[in-house]
Amino acid sequence: MLDTSHVAASGLDLMETYTKLAGQLRHVHLSDFDLSGGDQHRLPGKGKLPLKEFLAVLNSDGYPGAVSLELKPCPFGTPNTDVIRKRMTESLRFTREG
């Protein structure tokens, strides 16, 4: 399992880490990170990780596993269920397009 936010929080390069694990990888926890530290799990596209590039490489490599969004409640920024639903839909679209 590779968690994109945890890779970044550990100070590792996401693409290098994927290259080292590619043959063993069967599950990805996808979230973004702004490189400022902590355990962030930001919405995809709302940080500084190369998630579009990462997802494109997964696709071109024929990655056989699962990709799940791992997000904390804080990035949704609201208790409004309509806004949360919209942000979740955008996150899912980002992932699927990748």
N, C-alpha and C. Protein backbone atom coordinates (compact mmCIF):
# COMPACT_ATOMS: atom_id res chain seq x y z
N MET A 1 0.84 -1.17 0.00
CA MET A 1 0.00 0.00 0.00
C MET A 1 0.89 1.23 0.00
N LEU A 2 0.52 2.21 -0.81
CA LEU A 2 1.24 3.47 -0.86
C LEU A 2 0.24 4.58 -0.55
N ASP A 3 0.56 5.39 0.44
CA ASP A 3 -0.26 6.54 0.83
C ASP A 3 0.48 7.79 0.38
N THR A 4 -0.07 8.50 -0.58
CA THR A 4 0.64 9.63 -1.18
C THR A 4 0.96 10.73 -0.17
N SER A 5 0.05 11.00 0.74
CA SER A 5 0.28 12.03 1.75
C SER A 5 1.36 11.60 2.74
N HIS A 6 1.37 10.33 3.12
CA HIS A 6 2.38 9.84 4.05
C HIS A 6 3.77 9.80 3.41
N VAL A 7 3.81 9.49 2.13
CA VAL A 7 5.09 9.53 1.41
C VAL A 7 5.67 10.95 1.51
N ALA A 8 4.85 11.94 1.21
CA ALA A 8 5.30 13.33 1.25
C ALA A 8 5.67 13.76 2.66
N ALA A 9 4.85 13.37 3.65
CA ALA A 9 5.13 13.74 5.04
C ALA A 9 6.44 13.14 5.53
N SER A 10 6.84 12.03 4.92
CA SER A 10 8.11 11.39 5.26
C SER A 10 9.29 12.03 4.55
N GLY A 11 9.03 13.01 3.69
CA GLY A 11 10.10 13.70 2.97
C GLY A 11 10.59 12.94 1.76
N LEU A 12 9.80 11.96 1.29
CA LEU A 12 10.18 11.17 0.13
C LEU A 12 9.56 11.73 -1.14
N ASP A 13 10.19 11.45 -2.25
CA ASP A 13 9.66 11.85 -3.55
C ASP A 13 8.62 10.81 -3.98
N LEU A 14 7.43 11.27 -4.33
CA LEU A 14 6.35 10.36 -4.68
C LEU A 14 6.68 9.49 -5.88
N MET A 15 7.21 10.08 -6.94
CA MET A 15 7.47 9.31 -8.15
C MET A 15 8.60 8.30 -7.95
N GLU A 16 9.63 8.68 -7.21
CA GLU A 16 10.72 7.74 -6.91
C GLU A 16 10.22 6.58 -6.04
N THR A 17 9.39 6.90 -5.08
CA THR A 17 8.84 5.88 -4.20
C THR A 17 7.99 4.90 -4.99
N TYR A 18 7.14 5.44 -5.87
CA TYR A 18 6.32 4.56 -6.70
C TYR A 18 7.20 3.64 -7.55
N THR A 19 8.23 4.19 -8.16
CA THR A 19 9.11 3.39 -9.01
C THR A 19 9.69 2.21 -8.24
N LYS A 20 10.06 2.44 -6.99
CA LYS A 20 10.65 1.37 -6.17
C LYS A 20 9.63 0.31 -5.76
N LEU A 21 8.36 0.70 -5.64
CA LEU A 21 7.34 -0.22 -5.14
C LEU A 21 6.42 -0.77 -6.23
N ALA A 22 6.53 -0.28 -7.44
CA ALA A 22 5.55 -0.56 -8.49
C ALA A 22 5.19 -2.03 -8.63
N GLY A 23 6.16 -2.91 -8.63
CA GLY A 23 5.89 -4.32 -8.83
C GLY A 23 5.15 -4.99 -7.68
N GLN A 24 5.17 -4.37 -6.51
CA GLN A 24 4.55 -4.94 -5.32
C GLN A 24 3.23 -4.26 -4.95
N LEU A 25 2.98 -3.12 -5.54
CA LEU A 25 1.88 -2.25 -5.12
C LEU A 25 0.51 -2.80 -5.56
N ARG A 26 -0.45 -2.80 -4.61
CA ARG A 26 -1.80 -3.26 -4.91
C ARG A 26 -2.87 -2.31 -4.40
N HIS A 27 -2.47 -1.28 -3.66
CA HIS A 27 -3.46 -0.32 -3.15
C HIS A 27 -2.79 1.04 -2.97
N VAL A 28 -3.49 2.08 -3.39
CA VAL A 28 -3.03 3.46 -3.23
C VAL A 28 -4.07 4.24 -2.45
N HIS A 29 -3.63 4.92 -1.42
CA HIS A 29 -4.46 5.91 -0.73
C HIS A 29 -4.08 7.25 -1.32
N LEU A 30 -4.99 7.87 -2.03
CA LEU A 30 -4.71 9.11 -2.75
C LEU A 30 -5.21 10.33 -1.99
N SER A 31 -4.32 11.25 -1.75
CA SER A 31 -4.66 12.57 -1.21
C SER A 31 -3.48 13.48 -1.51
N ASP A 32 -3.70 14.76 -1.37
CA ASP A 32 -2.66 15.74 -1.68
C ASP A 32 -2.00 16.22 -0.40
N PHE A 33 -0.94 16.99 -0.56
CA PHE A 33 -0.10 17.44 0.55
C PHE A 33 0.57 18.73 0.09
N ASP A 34 0.68 19.73 0.99
CA ASP A 34 1.28 20.99 0.56
C ASP A 34 2.75 21.14 0.95
N LEU A 35 3.34 20.06 1.45
CA LEU A 35 4.76 20.00 1.80
C LEU A 35 5.13 20.80 3.04
N SER A 36 4.12 21.23 3.83
CA SER A 36 4.41 22.03 5.02
C SER A 36 4.50 21.18 6.29
N GLY A 37 4.29 19.88 6.18
CA GLY A 37 4.40 19.01 7.34
C GLY A 37 3.06 18.53 7.85
N GLY A 38 3.11 17.58 8.73
CA GLY A 38 1.89 17.03 9.32
C GLY A 38 1.26 15.96 8.45
N ASP A 39 0.13 15.50 8.89
CA ASP A 39 -0.64 14.46 8.22
C ASP A 39 -1.87 15.12 7.60
N GLN A 40 -1.77 15.59 6.37
CA GLN A 40 -2.77 16.50 5.82
C GLN A 40 -3.94 15.84 5.10
N HIS A 41 -3.69 14.96 4.17
CA HIS A 41 -4.74 14.33 3.38
C HIS A 41 -5.67 15.37 2.74
N ARG A 42 -5.06 16.27 1.97
CA ARG A 42 -5.82 17.31 1.28
C ARG A 42 -6.57 16.75 0.07
N LEU A 43 -7.52 17.52 -0.42
CA LEU A 43 -8.25 17.13 -1.63
C LEU A 43 -7.27 17.06 -2.80
N PRO A 44 -7.40 16.08 -3.68
CA PRO A 44 -6.51 15.99 -4.85
C PRO A 44 -6.55 17.28 -5.66
N GLY A 45 -5.36 17.76 -6.01
CA GLY A 45 -5.26 19.01 -6.76
C GLY A 45 -5.19 20.24 -5.87
N LYS A 46 -5.26 20.05 -4.56
CA LYS A 46 -5.25 21.18 -3.62
C LYS A 46 -3.97 21.21 -2.80
N GLY A 47 -2.93 20.60 -3.33
CA GLY A 47 -1.63 20.60 -2.67
C GLY A 47 -0.54 20.69 -3.72
N LYS A 48 0.62 20.16 -3.40
CA LYS A 48 1.77 20.29 -4.29
C LYS A 48 2.30 18.97 -4.83
N LEU A 49 1.63 17.88 -4.56
CA LEU A 49 2.11 16.60 -5.08
C LEU A 49 1.78 16.47 -6.57
N PRO A 50 2.61 15.76 -7.32
CA PRO A 50 2.37 15.57 -8.75
C PRO A 50 1.35 14.44 -8.99
N LEU A 51 0.13 14.64 -8.47
CA LEU A 51 -0.85 13.56 -8.52
C LEU A 51 -1.32 13.24 -9.93
N LYS A 52 -1.44 14.24 -10.79
CA LYS A 52 -1.84 13.94 -12.18
C LYS A 52 -0.79 13.09 -12.86
N GLU A 53 0.47 13.44 -12.68
CA GLU A 53 1.57 12.66 -13.24
C GLU A 53 1.57 11.25 -12.64
N PHE A 54 1.39 11.15 -11.34
CA PHE A 54 1.38 9.87 -10.65
C PHE A 54 0.26 8.98 -11.19
N LEU A 55 -0.95 9.51 -11.30
CA LEU A 55 -2.07 8.73 -11.81
C LEU A 55 -1.85 8.31 -13.26
N ALA A 56 -1.25 9.20 -14.06
CA ALA A 56 -0.96 8.87 -15.46
C ALA A 56 0.03 7.71 -15.54
N VAL A 57 1.03 7.70 -14.66
CA VAL A 57 2.01 6.60 -14.65
C VAL A 57 1.34 5.30 -14.20
N LEU A 58 0.47 5.37 -13.19
CA LEU A 58 -0.26 4.17 -12.78
C LEU A 58 -1.01 3.59 -13.98
N ASN A 59 -1.67 4.46 -14.71
CA ASN A 59 -2.44 4.03 -15.87
C ASN A 59 -1.54 3.44 -16.96
N SER A 60 -0.47 4.13 -17.29
CA SER A 60 0.40 3.65 -18.37
C SER A 60 1.14 2.37 -17.97
N ASP A 61 1.37 2.17 -16.68
CA ASP A 61 2.03 0.95 -16.20
C ASP A 61 1.07 -0.23 -16.07
N GLY A 62 -0.22 0.02 -16.29
CA GLY A 62 -1.21 -1.05 -16.12
C GLY A 62 -1.38 -1.47 -14.67
N TYR A 63 -1.25 -0.53 -13.76
CA TYR A 63 -1.40 -0.80 -12.33
C TYR A 63 -2.66 -1.63 -12.08
N PRO A 64 -2.51 -2.79 -11.42
CA PRO A 64 -3.65 -3.71 -11.26
C PRO A 64 -4.47 -3.51 -9.99
N GLY A 65 -4.08 -2.60 -9.13
CA GLY A 65 -4.71 -2.49 -7.83
C GLY A 65 -5.79 -1.43 -7.73
N ALA A 66 -6.12 -1.11 -6.50
CA ALA A 66 -7.17 -0.14 -6.19
C ALA A 66 -6.56 1.22 -5.87
N VAL A 67 -7.32 2.25 -6.14
CA VAL A 67 -6.99 3.62 -5.73
C VAL A 67 -8.19 4.12 -4.93
N SER A 68 -7.94 4.48 -3.68
CA SER A 68 -9.02 5.03 -2.86
C SER A 68 -8.63 6.42 -2.38
N LEU A 69 -9.62 7.28 -2.28
CA LEU A 69 -9.39 8.61 -1.74
C LEU A 69 -9.31 8.50 -0.23
N GLU A 70 -8.27 9.08 0.35
CA GLU A 70 -8.15 9.13 1.80
C GLU A 70 -8.10 10.60 2.19
N LEU A 71 -9.22 11.08 2.69
CA LEU A 71 -9.36 12.51 2.96
C LEU A 71 -9.81 12.72 4.39
N LYS A 72 -9.29 13.77 4.98
CA LYS A 72 -9.72 14.16 6.32
C LYS A 72 -10.91 15.12 6.19
N PRO A 73 -11.71 15.27 7.22
CA PRO A 73 -12.85 16.18 7.14
C PRO A 73 -12.46 17.65 6.95
N CYS A 74 -11.34 18.08 7.51
CA CYS A 74 -10.96 19.50 7.45
C CYS A 74 -10.88 20.07 6.03
N PRO A 75 -10.33 19.35 5.03
CA PRO A 75 -10.25 19.92 3.70
C PRO A 75 -11.60 20.26 3.07
N PHE A 76 -12.67 19.65 3.59
CA PHE A 76 -13.98 19.98 3.04
C PHE A 76 -14.44 21.36 3.50
N GLY A 77 -13.93 21.81 4.64
CA GLY A 77 -14.11 23.19 5.09
C GLY A 77 -15.52 23.63 5.40
N THR A 78 -16.44 22.72 5.61
CA THR A 78 -17.82 23.13 5.83
C THR A 78 -18.64 21.98 6.39
N PRO A 79 -19.68 22.29 7.16
CA PRO A 79 -20.61 21.23 7.54
C PRO A 79 -21.74 21.06 6.51
N ASN A 80 -21.76 21.90 5.48
CA ASN A 80 -22.81 21.86 4.47
C ASN A 80 -22.67 20.62 3.59
N THR A 81 -23.65 19.72 3.66
CA THR A 81 -23.55 18.46 2.93
C THR A 81 -23.51 18.65 1.41
N ASP A 82 -24.14 19.69 0.90
CA ASP A 82 -24.09 19.94 -0.55
C ASP A 82 -22.67 20.31 -0.99
N VAL A 83 -22.00 21.12 -0.20
CA VAL A 83 -20.62 21.52 -0.52
C VAL A 83 -19.70 20.31 -0.39
N ILE A 84 -19.88 19.52 0.65
CA ILE A 84 -19.05 18.33 0.84
C ILE A 84 -19.26 17.37 -0.34
N ARG A 85 -20.50 17.16 -0.74
CA ARG A 85 -20.79 16.28 -1.87
C ARG A 85 -20.13 16.79 -3.15
N LYS A 86 -20.18 18.10 -3.36
CA LYS A 86 -19.56 18.69 -4.55
C LYS A 86 -18.04 18.47 -4.52
N ARG A 87 -17.41 18.70 -3.39
CA ARG A 87 -15.96 18.52 -3.28
C ARG A 87 -15.56 17.05 -3.41
N MET A 88 -16.37 16.15 -2.88
CA MET A 88 -16.10 14.72 -3.06
C MET A 88 -16.22 14.32 -4.53
N THR A 89 -17.25 14.85 -5.21
CA THR A 89 -17.44 14.57 -6.63
C THR A 89 -16.26 15.08 -7.43
N GLU A 90 -15.78 16.28 -7.12
CA GLU A 90 -14.61 16.84 -7.81
C GLU A 90 -13.37 15.98 -7.56
N SER A 91 -13.20 15.50 -6.34
CA SER A 91 -12.05 14.65 -6.01
C SER A 91 -12.11 13.33 -6.76
N LEU A 92 -13.29 12.76 -6.84
CA LEU A 92 -13.45 11.51 -7.58
C LEU A 92 -13.19 11.73 -9.07
N ARG A 93 -13.69 12.83 -9.62
CA ARG A 93 -13.45 13.16 -11.03
C ARG A 93 -11.95 13.33 -11.29
N PHE A 94 -11.26 14.04 -10.42
CA PHE A 94 -9.80 14.23 -10.55
C PHE A 94 -9.11 12.88 -10.63
N THR A 95 -9.49 11.97 -9.76
CA THR A 95 -8.88 10.65 -9.69
C THR A 95 -9.19 9.83 -10.94
N ARG A 96 -10.42 9.82 -11.36
CA ARG A 96 -10.81 9.05 -12.54
C ARG A 96 -10.17 9.60 -13.82
N GLU A 97 -10.08 10.90 -13.93
CA GLU A 97 -9.45 11.49 -15.11
C GLU A 97 -7.96 11.22 -15.15
N GLY A 98 -7.37 11.04 -13.97
CA GLY A 98 -5.94 10.73 -13.90
C GLY A 98 -5.67 9.34 -14.41
